[in-house]
Amino acid sequence: MIKILPSVVVALVMWTAGTDAFAVDEAREKLVAEFTKTIGLEDVVRKSQRETERLVTDQIGPLLSNLRQAGCSAEALKEIQGIFNDMMKKVVNSWKPAEANRIYTLAIAESMSDEALKASISFYQSPEGVKSKAAIGAASAKMRDYINTEMMKALKPEMQAFMERIKVIAARERQKRQAE
């Protein structure tokens, strides 16, 4: 663990330094691409997009349940689910993995020297680096799970309260139309 720490500290210091001193040329682009491949950036981005999709699509259950309780017909629920699914596809696909990769790669290219990139690549390709990357991935997944679980816990009562307010507004609007 002590051997790993200096490499990680150096990489983090270089990464957070944020200097424009590192020019991006073809050789450097290849080095940065090797670094992002070594750390598994594409997998991270794909997992992030899948997780976003899962979280977003999980929202329809409580919504449909509330609408069902409000007396919405099966046909209407199916239609609402279709509309919701179309909307969520647009939301989930509102960001592009290739662009996320490009932004990350550019930030790395601007922040790390060639020497720091090479040292980081060597570290992450070493047995200790592979273990470190796996540990960071597992820790990130646990943190993501915690955040998502807490958000879903908070969302359920908020969605119910939201639907109750919608029902009140819809009833008020029906009364207005009937009075006209």
N, C-alpha and C. Protein backbone atom coordinates (compact mmCIF):
# COMPACT_ATOMS: atom_id res chain seq x y z
N MET A 1 0.83 -1.20 0.00
CA MET A 1 0.00 0.00 0.00
C MET A 1 0.86 1.25 0.00
N ILE A 2 1.95 1.24 0.74
CA ILE A 2 2.83 2.41 0.81
C ILE A 2 3.46 2.67 -0.56
N LYS A 3 3.80 1.63 -1.32
CA LYS A 3 4.39 1.81 -2.64
C LYS A 3 3.39 2.44 -3.61
N ILE A 4 2.13 2.11 -3.45
CA ILE A 4 1.11 2.61 -4.36
C ILE A 4 0.85 4.09 -4.13
N LEU A 5 0.82 4.50 -2.89
CA LEU A 5 0.45 5.85 -2.53
C LEU A 5 1.23 6.94 -3.27
N PRO A 6 2.58 6.88 -3.36
CA PRO A 6 3.28 7.95 -4.07
C PRO A 6 2.85 8.08 -5.53
N SER A 7 2.66 6.96 -6.22
CA SER A 7 2.24 7.01 -7.61
C SER A 7 0.86 7.65 -7.75
N VAL A 8 -0.04 7.27 -6.85
CA VAL A 8 -1.38 7.82 -6.89
C VAL A 8 -1.35 9.31 -6.56
N VAL A 9 -0.59 9.69 -5.56
CA VAL A 9 -0.48 11.10 -5.18
C VAL A 9 0.09 11.93 -6.33
N VAL A 10 1.15 11.43 -6.95
CA VAL A 10 1.74 12.14 -8.09
C VAL A 10 0.71 12.29 -9.20
N ALA A 11 0.03 11.21 -9.51
CA ALA A 11 -0.98 11.27 -10.58
C ALA A 11 -2.08 12.25 -10.23
N LEU A 12 -2.56 12.23 -8.99
CA LEU A 12 -3.63 13.14 -8.58
C LEU A 12 -3.17 14.59 -8.58
N VAL A 13 -1.97 14.84 -8.10
CA VAL A 13 -1.44 16.20 -8.10
C VAL A 13 -1.32 16.71 -9.53
N MET A 14 -0.76 15.89 -10.39
CA MET A 14 -0.62 16.30 -11.79
C MET A 14 -1.99 16.49 -12.44
N TRP A 15 -2.92 15.61 -12.10
CA TRP A 15 -4.25 15.67 -12.70
C TRP A 15 -4.99 16.93 -12.27
N THR A 16 -4.84 17.31 -11.02
CA THR A 16 -5.56 18.47 -10.52
C THR A 16 -4.81 19.79 -10.77
N ALA A 17 -3.59 19.72 -11.27
CA ALA A 17 -2.79 20.93 -11.48
C ALA A 17 -3.43 21.86 -12.49
N GLY A 18 -4.05 21.30 -13.54
CA GLY A 18 -4.78 22.10 -14.51
C GLY A 18 -3.94 23.12 -15.24
N THR A 19 -2.91 22.69 -15.90
CA THR A 19 -2.08 23.62 -16.64
C THR A 19 -2.27 23.46 -18.14
N ASP A 20 -2.15 24.54 -18.87
CA ASP A 20 -2.24 24.49 -20.32
C ASP A 20 -0.86 24.28 -20.95
N ALA A 21 0.13 23.99 -20.15
CA ALA A 21 1.50 23.88 -20.64
C ALA A 21 1.73 22.65 -21.51
N PHE A 22 0.84 21.68 -21.47
CA PHE A 22 1.06 20.45 -22.21
C PHE A 22 0.35 20.52 -23.56
N ALA A 23 1.11 20.63 -24.60
CA ALA A 23 0.55 20.69 -25.94
C ALA A 23 0.03 19.31 -26.34
N VAL A 24 -1.00 19.30 -27.19
CA VAL A 24 -1.56 18.04 -27.65
C VAL A 24 -1.12 17.82 -29.09
N ASP A 25 -0.19 16.87 -29.28
CA ASP A 25 0.21 16.49 -30.61
C ASP A 25 -0.15 15.02 -30.82
N GLU A 26 0.18 14.48 -31.98
CA GLU A 26 -0.23 13.11 -32.29
C GLU A 26 0.34 12.09 -31.30
N ALA A 27 1.62 12.21 -30.96
CA ALA A 27 2.24 11.28 -30.02
C ALA A 27 1.58 11.41 -28.65
N ARG A 28 1.30 12.63 -28.27
CA ARG A 28 0.67 12.88 -26.97
C ARG A 28 -0.77 12.35 -26.97
N GLU A 29 -1.48 12.54 -28.07
CA GLU A 29 -2.84 12.00 -28.18
C GLU A 29 -2.84 10.49 -27.98
N LYS A 30 -1.86 9.82 -28.56
CA LYS A 30 -1.75 8.37 -28.42
C LYS A 30 -1.47 8.00 -26.96
N LEU A 31 -0.63 8.78 -26.31
CA LEU A 31 -0.29 8.53 -24.91
C LEU A 31 -1.53 8.73 -24.02
N VAL A 32 -2.26 9.80 -24.26
CA VAL A 32 -3.47 10.07 -23.49
C VAL A 32 -4.51 8.98 -23.76
N ALA A 33 -4.64 8.58 -25.03
CA ALA A 33 -5.58 7.51 -25.38
C ALA A 33 -5.19 6.21 -24.67
N GLU A 34 -3.91 5.92 -24.60
CA GLU A 34 -3.45 4.72 -23.89
C GLU A 34 -3.80 4.81 -22.41
N PHE A 35 -3.62 5.99 -21.84
CA PHE A 35 -3.96 6.18 -20.42
C PHE A 35 -5.45 5.94 -20.19
N THR A 36 -6.31 6.57 -21.01
CA THR A 36 -7.75 6.43 -20.80
C THR A 36 -8.19 4.98 -21.04
N LYS A 37 -7.53 4.30 -21.96
CA LYS A 37 -7.84 2.88 -22.19
C LYS A 37 -7.39 2.06 -20.97
N THR A 38 -6.23 2.36 -20.45
CA THR A 38 -5.68 1.63 -19.31
C THR A 38 -6.58 1.77 -18.08
N ILE A 39 -7.11 2.96 -17.85
CA ILE A 39 -7.97 3.15 -16.68
C ILE A 39 -9.41 2.70 -16.93
N GLY A 40 -9.71 2.32 -18.18
CA GLY A 40 -11.04 1.80 -18.49
C GLY A 40 -12.11 2.87 -18.61
N LEU A 41 -11.74 4.01 -19.16
CA LEU A 41 -12.67 5.13 -19.25
C LEU A 41 -13.94 4.76 -20.03
N GLU A 42 -13.80 4.08 -21.15
CA GLU A 42 -14.99 3.74 -21.93
C GLU A 42 -15.98 2.90 -21.13
N ASP A 43 -15.46 1.96 -20.33
CA ASP A 43 -16.34 1.14 -19.49
C ASP A 43 -17.04 2.00 -18.44
N VAL A 44 -16.31 2.93 -17.85
CA VAL A 44 -16.89 3.82 -16.85
C VAL A 44 -18.03 4.63 -17.46
N VAL A 45 -17.80 5.16 -18.65
CA VAL A 45 -18.82 5.97 -19.32
C VAL A 45 -20.04 5.11 -19.67
N ARG A 46 -19.80 3.91 -20.20
CA ARG A 46 -20.93 3.02 -20.54
C ARG A 46 -21.72 2.65 -19.28
N LYS A 47 -21.04 2.32 -18.20
CA LYS A 47 -21.72 1.99 -16.94
C LYS A 47 -22.53 3.18 -16.45
N SER A 48 -21.97 4.36 -16.57
CA SER A 48 -22.67 5.57 -16.14
C SER A 48 -23.95 5.76 -16.95
N GLN A 49 -23.86 5.54 -18.25
CA GLN A 49 -25.05 5.71 -19.08
C GLN A 49 -26.10 4.65 -18.75
N ARG A 50 -25.69 3.40 -18.54
CA ARG A 50 -26.63 2.34 -18.18
C ARG A 50 -27.28 2.63 -16.82
N GLU A 51 -26.49 3.11 -15.88
CA GLU A 51 -27.02 3.42 -14.55
C GLU A 51 -28.01 4.58 -14.63
N THR A 52 -27.70 5.58 -15.43
CA THR A 52 -28.62 6.69 -15.62
C THR A 52 -29.93 6.19 -16.22
N GLU A 53 -29.83 5.32 -17.21
CA GLU A 53 -31.02 4.77 -17.85
C GLU A 53 -31.86 3.99 -16.83
N ARG A 54 -31.20 3.19 -16.01
CA ARG A 54 -31.92 2.40 -15.00
C ARG A 54 -32.64 3.32 -14.01
N LEU A 55 -31.93 4.33 -13.54
CA LEU A 55 -32.54 5.25 -12.57
C LEU A 55 -33.73 5.98 -13.17
N VAL A 56 -33.57 6.41 -14.40
CA VAL A 56 -34.63 7.17 -15.04
C VAL A 56 -35.84 6.28 -15.29
N THR A 57 -35.62 5.07 -15.78
CA THR A 57 -36.76 4.20 -16.07
C THR A 57 -37.42 3.69 -14.79
N ASP A 58 -36.70 3.67 -13.68
CA ASP A 58 -37.30 3.27 -12.40
C ASP A 58 -38.35 4.27 -11.93
N GLN A 59 -38.34 5.45 -12.51
CA GLN A 59 -39.28 6.49 -12.08
C GLN A 59 -40.71 6.20 -12.51
N ILE A 60 -40.89 5.42 -13.56
CA ILE A 60 -42.23 5.21 -14.09
C ILE A 60 -43.10 4.37 -13.16
N GLY A 61 -42.51 3.43 -12.42
CA GLY A 61 -43.30 2.56 -11.53
C GLY A 61 -44.16 3.33 -10.54
N PRO A 62 -43.53 4.18 -9.70
CA PRO A 62 -44.34 4.94 -8.75
C PRO A 62 -45.36 5.87 -9.42
N LEU A 63 -44.97 6.43 -10.55
CA LEU A 63 -45.88 7.32 -11.27
C LEU A 63 -47.11 6.55 -11.74
N LEU A 64 -46.90 5.39 -12.36
CA LEU A 64 -48.03 4.59 -12.84
C LEU A 64 -48.89 4.09 -11.68
N SER A 65 -48.25 3.74 -10.59
CA SER A 65 -48.98 3.29 -9.41
C SER A 65 -49.91 4.38 -8.90
N ASN A 66 -49.39 5.59 -8.83
CA ASN A 66 -50.22 6.73 -8.38
C ASN A 66 -51.36 7.00 -9.35
N LEU A 67 -51.08 6.90 -10.63
CA LEU A 67 -52.13 7.13 -11.63
C LEU A 67 -53.18 6.02 -11.58
N ARG A 68 -52.73 4.79 -11.36
CA ARG A 68 -53.65 3.66 -11.24
C ARG A 68 -54.58 3.88 -10.04
N GLN A 69 -53.99 4.31 -8.92
CA GLN A 69 -54.79 4.58 -7.72
C GLN A 69 -55.77 5.73 -7.94
N ALA A 70 -55.41 6.62 -8.83
CA ALA A 70 -56.27 7.77 -9.12
C ALA A 70 -57.39 7.40 -10.09
N GLY A 71 -57.40 6.13 -10.54
CA GLY A 71 -58.47 5.67 -11.41
C GLY A 71 -58.17 5.73 -12.89
N CYS A 72 -56.93 5.87 -13.24
CA CYS A 72 -56.53 5.92 -14.64
C CYS A 72 -56.74 4.53 -15.28
N SER A 73 -57.28 4.48 -16.49
CA SER A 73 -57.54 3.20 -17.16
C SER A 73 -56.24 2.54 -17.61
N ALA A 74 -56.31 1.23 -17.84
CA ALA A 74 -55.15 0.48 -18.31
C ALA A 74 -54.64 1.03 -19.64
N GLU A 75 -55.58 1.42 -20.51
CA GLU A 75 -55.17 1.99 -21.81
C GLU A 75 -54.41 3.29 -21.62
N ALA A 76 -54.92 4.14 -20.74
CA ALA A 76 -54.27 5.42 -20.49
C ALA A 76 -52.89 5.20 -19.86
N LEU A 77 -52.81 4.24 -18.92
CA LEU A 77 -51.53 3.94 -18.28
C LEU A 77 -50.50 3.48 -19.31
N LYS A 78 -50.94 2.64 -20.24
CA LYS A 78 -50.04 2.15 -21.29
C LYS A 78 -49.56 3.31 -22.17
N GLU A 79 -50.47 4.20 -22.49
CA GLU A 79 -50.12 5.37 -23.30
C GLU A 79 -49.13 6.27 -22.55
N ILE A 80 -49.40 6.49 -21.27
CA ILE A 80 -48.51 7.33 -20.45
C ILE A 80 -47.14 6.68 -20.35
N GLN A 81 -47.10 5.37 -20.15
CA GLN A 81 -45.82 4.68 -20.07
C GLN A 81 -45.03 4.85 -21.37
N GLY A 82 -45.71 4.74 -22.51
CA GLY A 82 -45.04 4.93 -23.79
C GLY A 82 -44.47 6.33 -23.94
N ILE A 83 -45.26 7.32 -23.55
CA ILE A 83 -44.80 8.71 -23.61
C ILE A 83 -43.61 8.91 -22.69
N PHE A 84 -43.73 8.36 -21.47
CA PHE A 84 -42.64 8.48 -20.50
C PHE A 84 -41.38 7.81 -21.03
N ASN A 85 -41.50 6.61 -21.57
CA ASN A 85 -40.33 5.89 -22.10
C ASN A 85 -39.66 6.68 -23.22
N ASP A 86 -40.45 7.26 -24.11
CA ASP A 86 -39.88 8.08 -25.19
C ASP A 86 -39.14 9.29 -24.62
N MET A 87 -39.74 9.94 -23.64
CA MET A 87 -39.11 11.10 -23.01
C MET A 87 -37.81 10.70 -22.33
N MET A 88 -37.82 9.59 -21.61
CA MET A 88 -36.64 9.16 -20.87
C MET A 88 -35.51 8.73 -21.81
N LYS A 89 -35.84 8.13 -22.94
CA LYS A 89 -34.80 7.80 -23.92
C LYS A 89 -34.08 9.07 -24.37
N LYS A 90 -34.85 10.12 -24.58
CA LYS A 90 -34.25 11.39 -24.98
C LYS A 90 -33.36 11.94 -23.87
N VAL A 91 -33.82 11.83 -22.62
CA VAL A 91 -33.03 12.32 -21.49
C VAL A 91 -31.74 11.51 -21.35
N VAL A 92 -31.89 10.20 -21.35
CA VAL A 92 -30.73 9.32 -21.17
C VAL A 92 -29.72 9.52 -22.30
N ASN A 93 -30.22 9.71 -23.50
CA ASN A 93 -29.33 9.88 -24.65
C ASN A 93 -28.97 11.33 -24.93
N SER A 94 -29.26 12.21 -23.96
CA SER A 94 -28.97 13.63 -24.15
C SER A 94 -27.47 13.92 -24.11
N TRP A 95 -26.71 13.01 -23.54
CA TRP A 95 -25.26 13.16 -23.55
C TRP A 95 -24.66 11.99 -24.32
N LYS A 96 -23.56 12.27 -24.95
CA LYS A 96 -22.93 11.28 -25.82
C LYS A 96 -21.66 10.74 -25.18
N PRO A 97 -21.55 9.41 -25.09
CA PRO A 97 -20.33 8.82 -24.53
C PRO A 97 -19.05 9.29 -25.22
N ALA A 98 -19.09 9.42 -26.53
CA ALA A 98 -17.89 9.87 -27.25
C ALA A 98 -17.48 11.28 -26.80
N GLU A 99 -18.47 12.14 -26.57
CA GLU A 99 -18.16 13.51 -26.12
C GLU A 99 -17.63 13.50 -24.69
N ALA A 100 -18.22 12.66 -23.82
CA ALA A 100 -17.73 12.54 -22.45
C ALA A 100 -16.28 12.06 -22.47
N ASN A 101 -15.99 11.08 -23.31
CA ASN A 101 -14.61 10.58 -23.44
C ASN A 101 -13.68 11.69 -23.92
N ARG A 102 -14.15 12.47 -24.91
CA ARG A 102 -13.33 13.55 -25.48
C ARG A 102 -13.02 14.60 -24.41
N ILE A 103 -14.02 14.98 -23.64
CA ILE A 103 -13.83 15.99 -22.59
C ILE A 103 -12.84 15.48 -21.55
N TYR A 104 -13.01 14.25 -21.11
CA TYR A 104 -12.12 13.66 -20.11
C TYR A 104 -10.70 13.58 -20.66
N THR A 105 -10.59 13.10 -21.88
CA THR A 105 -9.27 12.94 -22.50
C THR A 105 -8.57 14.28 -22.65
N LEU A 106 -9.31 15.30 -23.06
CA LEU A 106 -8.73 16.64 -23.19
C LEU A 106 -8.26 17.16 -21.84
N ALA A 107 -9.06 16.94 -20.79
CA ALA A 107 -8.68 17.39 -19.46
C ALA A 107 -7.39 16.70 -19.01
N ILE A 108 -7.28 15.41 -19.30
CA ILE A 108 -6.06 14.67 -18.97
C ILE A 108 -4.88 15.25 -19.74
N ALA A 109 -5.08 15.46 -21.03
CA ALA A 109 -3.99 15.98 -21.87
C ALA A 109 -3.52 17.34 -21.39
N GLU A 110 -4.46 18.14 -20.90
CA GLU A 110 -4.10 19.48 -20.42
C GLU A 110 -3.49 19.47 -19.03
N SER A 111 -3.71 18.40 -18.27
CA SER A 111 -3.34 18.40 -16.87
C SER A 111 -2.13 17.56 -16.50
N MET A 112 -1.76 16.62 -17.35
CA MET A 112 -0.68 15.70 -16.98
C MET A 112 0.48 15.78 -17.98
N SER A 113 1.67 15.75 -17.45
CA SER A 113 2.85 15.71 -18.32
C SER A 113 2.98 14.31 -18.93
N ASP A 114 3.81 14.21 -19.96
CA ASP A 114 4.06 12.89 -20.56
C ASP A 114 4.61 11.92 -19.52
N GLU A 115 5.49 12.41 -18.68
CA GLU A 115 6.09 11.56 -17.66
C GLU A 115 5.04 11.05 -16.68
N ALA A 116 4.12 11.94 -16.26
CA ALA A 116 3.07 11.54 -15.33
C ALA A 116 2.12 10.54 -16.00
N LEU A 117 1.82 10.76 -17.27
CA LEU A 117 0.98 9.81 -18.00
C LEU A 117 1.64 8.44 -18.09
N LYS A 118 2.90 8.44 -18.44
CA LYS A 118 3.64 7.17 -18.56
C LYS A 118 3.71 6.45 -17.21
N ALA A 119 3.96 7.21 -16.15
CA ALA A 119 4.03 6.61 -14.81
C ALA A 119 2.66 6.05 -14.41
N SER A 120 1.61 6.78 -14.71
CA SER A 120 0.26 6.32 -14.39
C SER A 120 -0.10 5.07 -15.19
N ILE A 121 0.25 5.07 -16.46
CA ILE A 121 -0.02 3.89 -17.30
C ILE A 121 0.72 2.69 -16.74
N SER A 122 1.99 2.88 -16.43
CA SER A 122 2.77 1.78 -15.86
C SER A 122 2.15 1.28 -14.56
N PHE A 123 1.76 2.22 -13.71
CA PHE A 123 1.15 1.83 -12.45
C PHE A 123 -0.14 1.04 -12.68
N TYR A 124 -1.05 1.58 -13.50
CA TYR A 124 -2.34 0.92 -13.69
C TYR A 124 -2.24 -0.39 -14.46
N GLN A 125 -1.12 -0.61 -15.16
CA GLN A 125 -0.90 -1.89 -15.82
C GLN A 125 -0.21 -2.90 -14.91
N SER A 126 0.34 -2.43 -13.81
CA SER A 126 1.02 -3.31 -12.85
C SER A 126 -0.02 -4.09 -12.04
N PRO A 127 0.38 -5.18 -11.41
CA PRO A 127 -0.57 -5.92 -10.57
C PRO A 127 -1.20 -5.04 -9.48
N GLU A 128 -0.39 -4.17 -8.86
CA GLU A 128 -0.93 -3.27 -7.84
C GLU A 128 -1.94 -2.29 -8.44
N GLY A 129 -1.62 -1.80 -9.63
CA GLY A 129 -2.51 -0.86 -10.31
C GLY A 129 -3.82 -1.50 -10.72
N VAL A 130 -3.74 -2.74 -11.20
CA VAL A 130 -4.95 -3.46 -11.57
C VAL A 130 -5.83 -3.65 -10.34
N LYS A 131 -5.20 -4.02 -9.22
CA LYS A 131 -5.96 -4.17 -7.97
C LYS A 131 -6.54 -2.83 -7.52
N SER A 132 -5.75 -1.78 -7.65
CA SER A 132 -6.21 -0.45 -7.26
C SER A 132 -7.39 -0.02 -8.11
N LYS A 133 -7.30 -0.23 -9.42
CA LYS A 133 -8.39 0.13 -10.33
C LYS A 133 -9.65 -0.65 -9.97
N ALA A 134 -9.50 -1.94 -9.66
CA ALA A 134 -10.65 -2.76 -9.27
C ALA A 134 -11.25 -2.26 -7.95
N ALA A 135 -10.39 -1.91 -7.00
CA ALA A 135 -10.86 -1.40 -5.71
C ALA A 135 -11.59 -0.07 -5.88
N ILE A 136 -11.04 0.80 -6.71
CA ILE A 136 -11.67 2.09 -6.97
C ILE A 136 -13.02 1.88 -7.64
N GLY A 137 -13.07 0.94 -8.60
CA GLY A 137 -14.33 0.63 -9.26
C GLY A 137 -15.38 0.11 -8.30
N ALA A 138 -14.97 -0.80 -7.42
CA ALA A 138 -15.89 -1.37 -6.43
C ALA A 138 -16.37 -0.29 -5.45
N ALA A 139 -15.44 0.55 -5.01
CA ALA A 139 -15.80 1.62 -4.08
C ALA A 139 -16.74 2.62 -4.76
N SER A 140 -16.46 2.95 -6.00
CA SER A 140 -17.32 3.87 -6.75
C SER A 140 -18.72 3.29 -6.91
N ALA A 141 -18.80 1.99 -7.19
CA ALA A 141 -20.10 1.33 -7.35
C ALA A 141 -20.89 1.39 -6.04
N LYS A 142 -20.21 1.16 -4.91
CA LYS A 142 -20.90 1.23 -3.62
C LYS A 142 -21.38 2.66 -3.34
N MET A 143 -20.55 3.63 -3.66
CA MET A 143 -20.94 5.02 -3.45
C MET A 143 -22.13 5.37 -4.35
N ARG A 144 -22.07 4.96 -5.61
CA ARG A 144 -23.15 5.21 -6.56
C ARG A 144 -24.44 4.54 -6.07
N ASP A 145 -24.32 3.29 -5.58
CA ASP A 145 -25.50 2.59 -5.07
C ASP A 145 -26.11 3.34 -3.89
N TYR A 146 -25.26 3.82 -2.98
CA TYR A 146 -25.75 4.59 -1.83
C TYR A 146 -26.50 5.84 -2.32
N ILE A 147 -25.88 6.59 -3.19
CA ILE A 147 -26.49 7.83 -3.69
C ILE A 147 -27.82 7.52 -4.37
N ASN A 148 -27.81 6.53 -5.24
CA ASN A 148 -29.03 6.19 -5.98
C ASN A 148 -30.13 5.68 -5.05
N THR A 149 -29.76 4.86 -4.07
CA THR A 149 -30.74 4.34 -3.11
C THR A 149 -31.37 5.47 -2.33
N GLU A 150 -30.56 6.38 -1.85
CA GLU A 150 -31.09 7.51 -1.07
C GLU A 150 -31.96 8.41 -1.94
N MET A 151 -31.56 8.62 -3.18
CA MET A 151 -32.37 9.45 -4.08
C MET A 151 -33.72 8.78 -4.34
N MET A 152 -33.71 7.47 -4.54
CA MET A 152 -34.96 6.76 -4.79
C MET A 152 -35.86 6.79 -3.55
N LYS A 153 -35.27 6.66 -2.36
CA LYS A 153 -36.05 6.75 -1.13
C LYS A 153 -36.72 8.13 -1.04
N ALA A 154 -35.98 9.14 -1.37
CA ALA A 154 -36.52 10.50 -1.30
C ALA A 154 -37.54 10.74 -2.41
N LEU A 155 -37.31 10.13 -3.54
CA LEU A 155 -38.18 10.36 -4.69
C LEU A 155 -39.57 9.77 -4.50
N LYS A 156 -39.67 8.61 -3.88
CA LYS A 156 -40.96 7.94 -3.76
C LYS A 156 -41.99 8.83 -3.06
N PRO A 157 -41.73 9.33 -1.86
CA PRO A 157 -42.74 10.20 -1.23
C PRO A 157 -42.92 11.52 -1.99
N GLU A 158 -41.84 12.01 -2.58
CA GLU A 158 -41.95 13.26 -3.35
C GLU A 158 -42.83 13.05 -4.59
N MET A 159 -42.69 11.90 -5.23
CA MET A 159 -43.51 11.60 -6.41
C MET A 159 -44.97 11.47 -5.99
N GLN A 160 -45.21 10.84 -4.83
CA GLN A 160 -46.59 10.73 -4.34
C GLN A 160 -47.18 12.10 -4.06
N ALA A 161 -46.40 12.94 -3.41
CA ALA A 161 -46.87 14.31 -3.11
C ALA A 161 -47.10 15.08 -4.40
N PHE A 162 -46.22 14.91 -5.36
CA PHE A 162 -46.34 15.55 -6.66
C PHE A 162 -47.65 15.13 -7.32
N MET A 163 -47.90 13.82 -7.32
CA MET A 163 -49.12 13.31 -7.95
C MET A 163 -50.37 13.83 -7.23
N GLU A 164 -50.32 13.93 -5.92
CA GLU A 164 -51.47 14.48 -5.18
C GLU A 164 -51.72 15.92 -5.60
N ARG A 165 -50.68 16.69 -5.76
CA ARG A 165 -50.85 18.08 -6.21
C ARG A 165 -51.40 18.14 -7.63
N ILE A 166 -50.93 17.22 -8.48
CA ILE A 166 -51.43 17.16 -9.86
C ILE A 166 -52.92 16.84 -9.85
N LYS A 167 -53.33 15.90 -9.01
CA LYS A 167 -54.75 15.52 -8.92
C LYS A 167 -55.60 16.72 -8.51
N VAL A 168 -55.12 17.48 -7.54
CA VAL A 168 -55.85 18.66 -7.07
C VAL A 168 -55.99 19.67 -8.21
N ILE A 169 -54.90 19.90 -8.91
CA ILE A 169 -54.93 20.86 -10.03
C ILE A 169 -55.87 20.36 -11.12
N ALA A 170 -55.76 19.07 -11.45
CA ALA A 170 -56.62 18.50 -12.50
C ALA A 170 -58.09 18.59 -12.10
N ALA A 171 -58.41 18.30 -10.84
CA ALA A 171 -59.80 18.40 -10.36
C ALA A 171 -60.29 19.83 -10.45
N ARG A 172 -59.45 20.78 -10.04
CA ARG A 172 -59.81 22.19 -10.10
C ARG A 172 -60.09 22.62 -11.54
N GLU A 173 -59.25 22.15 -12.46
CA GLU A 173 -59.43 22.49 -13.88
C GLU A 173 -60.71 21.87 -14.43
N ARG A 174 -61.03 20.64 -14.02
CA ARG A 174 -62.27 20.00 -14.46
C ARG A 174 -63.47 20.80 -13.97
N GLN A 175 -63.41 21.24 -12.71
CA GLN A 175 -64.50 22.03 -12.15
C GLN A 175 -64.69 23.34 -12.91
N LYS A 176 -63.59 23.97 -13.27
CA LYS A 176 -63.65 25.22 -14.03
C LYS A 176 -64.33 24.99 -15.37
N ARG A 177 -63.92 23.91 -16.06
CA ARG A 177 -64.49 23.61 -17.39
C ARG A 177 -65.97 23.29 -17.27
N GLN A 178 -66.36 22.57 -16.23
CA GLN A 178 -67.77 22.22 -16.05
C GLN A 178 -68.61 23.45 -15.72
N ALA A 179 -68.00 24.40 -15.05
CA ALA A 179 -68.72 25.63 -14.68
C ALA A 179 -68.91 26.55 -15.86
N GLU A 180 -68.10 26.39 -16.88
CA GLU A 180 -68.17 27.31 -18.05
C GLU A 180 -69.31 26.98 -18.95
